[in-house]
Amino acid sequence: MTSEAQKAAAARAQSRRRGPAEGPEDLALKERCIAWEIAGPPMMPGVYNNDVQFVQTKNAIVILNEMIHDARIVPMDGRPHGTVPRWMGDSRGHWDGATLVVDTIGFTDKTSVRGSDEHLHLTERFTRLGPDEIEYRFTMDDPTIWTRPWTATVPLSRIDGPMYEYACHEGNARSVEGILRGARVQDATPR
């Protein structure tokens, strides 16, 4: 990490210890059911809901994640990247031989992947190694955060079985309300 990114990471860690949330904006995206790092991009293995389904159409590939039921539509028709920042960035794909390459930029400043910011450039490569295995390799490049790009590889194995809806709804009203009520009780409690 750059020295500035190290300082920012330390400040973020310290701010998480500051006490009760003042409002929903103080809560993590996953607590509000907006985005979950397991679903990506990049897709990072978690303790549950790691299923991924690929759907190919004439002009796009849809990457559907079981976690938080996100569907990322990756245009494959050569169009340029858009200019509006998105939670999951703006993806474009192409085939490099038998490897699906997905290039993503345009993340919001509120979406952080391993400390990255809105300057993140993510390149994902999906290569089928056999009938039941895909090598998922991604490279993270954000010069405002890291001194050089870095790459990770995650094996994806085929399973037979259904994907289930992840019952988390944007805003996560009951949980957020409970967290904020608890915070107000803590505020009112003498210390």
Protein backbone atom coordinates (compact mmCIF):
# COMPACT_ATOMS: atom_id res chain seq x y z
CA MET A 1 0.00 0.00 0.00
CA THR A 2 1.05 3.58 -0.51
CA SER A 3 1.86 5.54 2.65
CA GLU A 4 -1.28 7.66 2.15
CA ALA A 5 -3.42 4.51 1.83
CA GLN A 6 -1.87 3.08 5.00
CA LYS A 7 -2.83 6.24 6.90
CA ALA A 8 -6.36 6.13 5.47
CA ALA A 9 -6.71 2.43 6.45
CA ALA A 10 -5.61 3.24 10.01
CA ALA A 11 -8.12 6.10 10.17
CA ARG A 12 -10.91 3.81 8.92
CA ALA A 13 -10.00 1.19 11.53
CA GLN A 14 -10.06 3.86 14.24
CA SER A 15 -13.42 5.26 13.06
CA ARG A 16 -14.98 1.80 13.35
CA ARG A 17 -14.17 1.94 17.06
CA ARG A 18 -15.83 5.32 17.58
CA GLY A 19 -19.06 4.00 18.98
CA PRO A 20 -22.71 3.78 17.96
CA ALA A 21 -23.84 4.65 14.45
CA GLU A 22 -25.37 8.11 14.07
CA GLY A 23 -27.40 7.10 11.03
CA PRO A 24 -27.72 4.46 8.31
CA GLU A 25 -24.91 6.06 6.29
CA ASP A 26 -22.50 5.05 9.07
CA LEU A 27 -23.30 1.37 8.51
CA ALA A 28 -21.42 -0.87 6.06
CA LEU A 29 -22.94 -1.52 2.63
CA LYS A 30 -23.50 -5.18 3.54
CA GLU A 31 -25.37 -4.19 6.72
CA ARG A 32 -27.73 -2.19 4.49
CA CYS A 33 -27.98 -5.01 1.91
CA ILE A 34 -26.60 -2.85 -0.88
CA ALA A 35 -23.37 -4.68 -1.74
CA TRP A 36 -21.45 -7.61 -0.29
CA GLU A 37 -17.77 -8.26 -1.00
CA ILE A 38 -18.40 -11.98 -1.61
CA ALA A 39 -20.51 -11.12 -4.66
CA GLY A 40 -17.86 -8.75 -5.94
CA PRO A 41 -16.47 -7.74 -8.16
CA PRO A 42 -14.04 -9.28 -7.51
CA MET A 43 -15.79 -12.34 -6.17
CA MET A 44 -14.16 -13.34 -2.88
CA PRO A 45 -15.00 -16.66 -1.21
CA GLY A 46 -17.03 -16.42 1.98
CA VAL A 47 -18.48 -18.80 4.51
CA TYR A 48 -21.76 -19.27 2.63
CA ASN A 49 -23.69 -18.29 -0.52
CA ASN A 50 -20.71 -18.65 -2.86
CA ASP A 51 -22.70 -20.01 -5.81
CA VAL A 52 -22.25 -18.25 -9.14
CA GLN A 53 -24.17 -18.79 -12.35
CA PHE A 54 -23.14 -17.53 -15.80
CA VAL A 55 -25.81 -16.80 -18.40
CA GLN A 56 -24.65 -15.99 -21.93
CA THR A 57 -26.83 -14.07 -24.37
CA LYS A 58 -26.04 -12.74 -27.83
CA ASN A 59 -24.50 -9.47 -26.58
CA ALA A 60 -23.80 -9.98 -22.88
CA ILE A 61 -22.84 -12.36 -20.13
CA VAL A 62 -24.68 -12.17 -16.83
CA ILE A 63 -22.75 -13.14 -13.71
CA LEU A 64 -25.37 -14.01 -11.10
CA ASN A 65 -24.19 -14.36 -7.51
CA GLU A 66 -26.24 -16.18 -4.89
CA MET A 67 -24.97 -13.81 -2.19
CA ILE A 68 -27.20 -10.75 -2.04
CA HIS A 69 -28.65 -11.96 -5.40
CA ASP A 70 -26.60 -9.55 -7.51
CA ALA A 71 -26.63 -9.90 -11.28
CA ARG A 72 -23.80 -8.19 -13.09
CA ILE A 73 -24.53 -7.64 -16.78
CA VAL A 74 -21.31 -7.60 -18.77
CA PRO A 75 -21.75 -6.24 -22.31
CA MET A 76 -19.70 -8.22 -24.84
CA ASP A 77 -20.41 -6.08 -27.91
CA GLY A 78 -17.36 -3.80 -27.79
CA ARG A 79 -19.12 -0.72 -26.45
CA PRO A 80 -17.01 1.70 -24.40
CA HIS A 81 -17.24 2.00 -20.63
CA GLY A 82 -19.91 4.30 -19.27
CA THR A 83 -19.18 7.40 -17.21
CA VAL A 84 -21.60 6.98 -14.29
CA PRO A 85 -20.01 5.39 -11.17
CA ARG A 86 -21.73 2.20 -9.95
CA TRP A 87 -21.66 0.06 -6.81
CA MET A 88 -20.16 -2.85 -8.77
CA GLY A 89 -18.31 -0.71 -11.28
CA ASP A 90 -18.86 -0.65 -15.02
CA SER A 91 -17.88 -3.96 -16.64
CA ARG A 92 -17.06 -4.79 -20.25
CA GLY A 93 -16.09 -8.23 -21.49
CA HIS A 94 -14.42 -10.00 -24.36
CA TRP A 95 -13.05 -13.43 -25.18
CA ASP A 96 -9.30 -14.04 -25.21
CA GLY A 97 -9.32 -17.49 -26.79
CA ALA A 98 -11.26 -19.66 -24.34
CA THR A 99 -10.89 -17.16 -21.47
CA LEU A 100 -13.62 -14.69 -20.57
CA VAL A 101 -11.94 -11.38 -19.70
CA VAL A 102 -13.98 -8.80 -17.77
CA ASP A 103 -12.58 -5.29 -17.44
CA THR A 104 -14.23 -3.12 -14.76
CA ILE A 105 -13.75 0.54 -13.87
CA GLY A 106 -16.13 3.24 -12.62
CA PHE A 107 -16.56 2.16 -9.00
CA THR A 108 -18.11 4.62 -6.57
CA ASP A 109 -16.08 6.26 -3.83
CA LYS A 110 -18.25 4.33 -1.35
CA THR A 111 -17.35 0.91 -2.74
CA SER A 112 -14.06 -0.25 -1.31
CA VAL A 113 -12.46 -3.53 -2.26
CA ARG A 114 -9.51 -4.33 0.01
CA GLY A 115 -9.00 -0.59 0.59
CA SER A 116 -9.42 0.53 -3.02
CA ASP A 117 -11.25 3.67 -4.02
CA GLU A 118 -13.02 4.97 -7.12
CA HIS A 119 -9.77 4.67 -9.12
CA LEU A 120 -9.84 0.87 -9.01
CA HIS A 121 -9.25 -0.92 -12.32
CA LEU A 122 -10.18 -4.58 -12.04
CA THR A 123 -9.41 -7.23 -14.63
CA GLU A 124 -11.03 -10.66 -14.16
CA ARG A 125 -10.20 -13.77 -16.17
CA PHE A 126 -12.40 -16.88 -16.18
CA THR A 127 -10.69 -19.90 -17.75
CA ARG A 128 -12.32 -23.32 -17.91
CA LEU A 129 -9.79 -25.94 -16.83
CA GLY A 130 -12.12 -28.89 -17.25
CA PRO A 131 -15.83 -29.75 -17.34
CA ASP A 132 -16.23 -28.98 -13.62
CA GLU A 133 -13.57 -26.35 -12.88
CA ILE A 134 -12.92 -22.70 -13.74
CA GLU A 135 -9.85 -20.75 -12.76
CA TYR A 136 -10.96 -17.29 -11.60
CA ARG A 137 -8.03 -14.87 -11.66
CA PHE A 138 -8.33 -11.18 -10.94
CA THR A 139 -5.90 -8.28 -10.94
CA MET A 140 -6.48 -5.19 -8.82
CA ASP A 141 -4.86 -1.94 -9.92
CA ASP A 142 -5.39 1.30 -8.01
CA PRO A 143 -2.29 3.52 -7.96
CA THR A 144 -3.81 5.74 -5.26
CA ILE A 145 -3.86 2.73 -2.90
CA TRP A 146 -1.25 0.17 -3.96
CA THR A 147 2.32 0.66 -5.12
CA ARG A 148 1.76 -1.94 -7.84
CA PRO A 149 -1.10 -4.11 -9.19
CA TRP A 150 -1.68 -7.45 -7.49
CA THR A 151 -3.33 -10.68 -8.61
CA ALA A 152 -5.20 -13.49 -6.87
CA THR A 153 -6.57 -16.79 -8.13
CA VAL A 154 -9.65 -18.60 -6.82
CA PRO A 155 -10.77 -22.02 -8.09
CA LEU A 156 -14.45 -22.31 -8.99
CA SER A 157 -15.94 -25.82 -8.93
CA ARG A 158 -19.17 -26.88 -10.57
CA ILE A 159 -21.93 -28.20 -8.35
CA ASP A 160 -25.33 -29.52 -9.26
CA GLY A 161 -28.13 -27.93 -7.33
CA PRO A 162 -30.31 -24.86 -7.15
CA MET A 163 -29.29 -21.35 -6.21
CA TYR A 164 -31.45 -19.78 -3.54
CA GLU A 165 -32.52 -16.19 -3.10
CA TYR A 166 -30.56 -14.43 -0.42
CA ALA A 167 -33.24 -12.76 1.69
CA CYS A 168 -31.53 -9.43 2.26
CA HIS A 169 -33.41 -6.39 1.05
CA GLU A 170 -31.90 -2.99 0.26
CA GLY A 171 -32.07 -0.87 3.37
CA ASN A 172 -32.35 -3.97 5.59
CA ALA A 173 -35.02 -2.07 7.53
CA ARG A 174 -35.43 -4.29 10.59
CA SER A 175 -31.72 -4.77 11.21
CA VAL A 176 -30.81 -1.13 10.56
CA GLU A 177 -33.67 0.04 12.79
CA GLY A 178 -32.50 -2.30 15.55
CA ILE A 179 -28.87 -1.19 15.25
CA LEU A 180 -29.84 2.48 15.40
CA ARG A 181 -32.28 1.96 18.31
CA GLY A 182 -29.54 0.16 20.21
CA ALA A 183 -27.18 3.04 19.48
CA ARG A 184 -29.68 5.56 20.86
CA VAL A 185 -30.08 3.47 24.02
CA GLN A 186 -26.30 3.47 24.39
CA ASP A 187 -26.28 7.25 23.88
CA ALA A 188 -28.84 7.68 26.71
CA THR A 189 -27.06 5.34 29.12
CA PRO A 190 -24.76 7.12 31.60
CA ARG A 191 -21.17 5.93 31.40
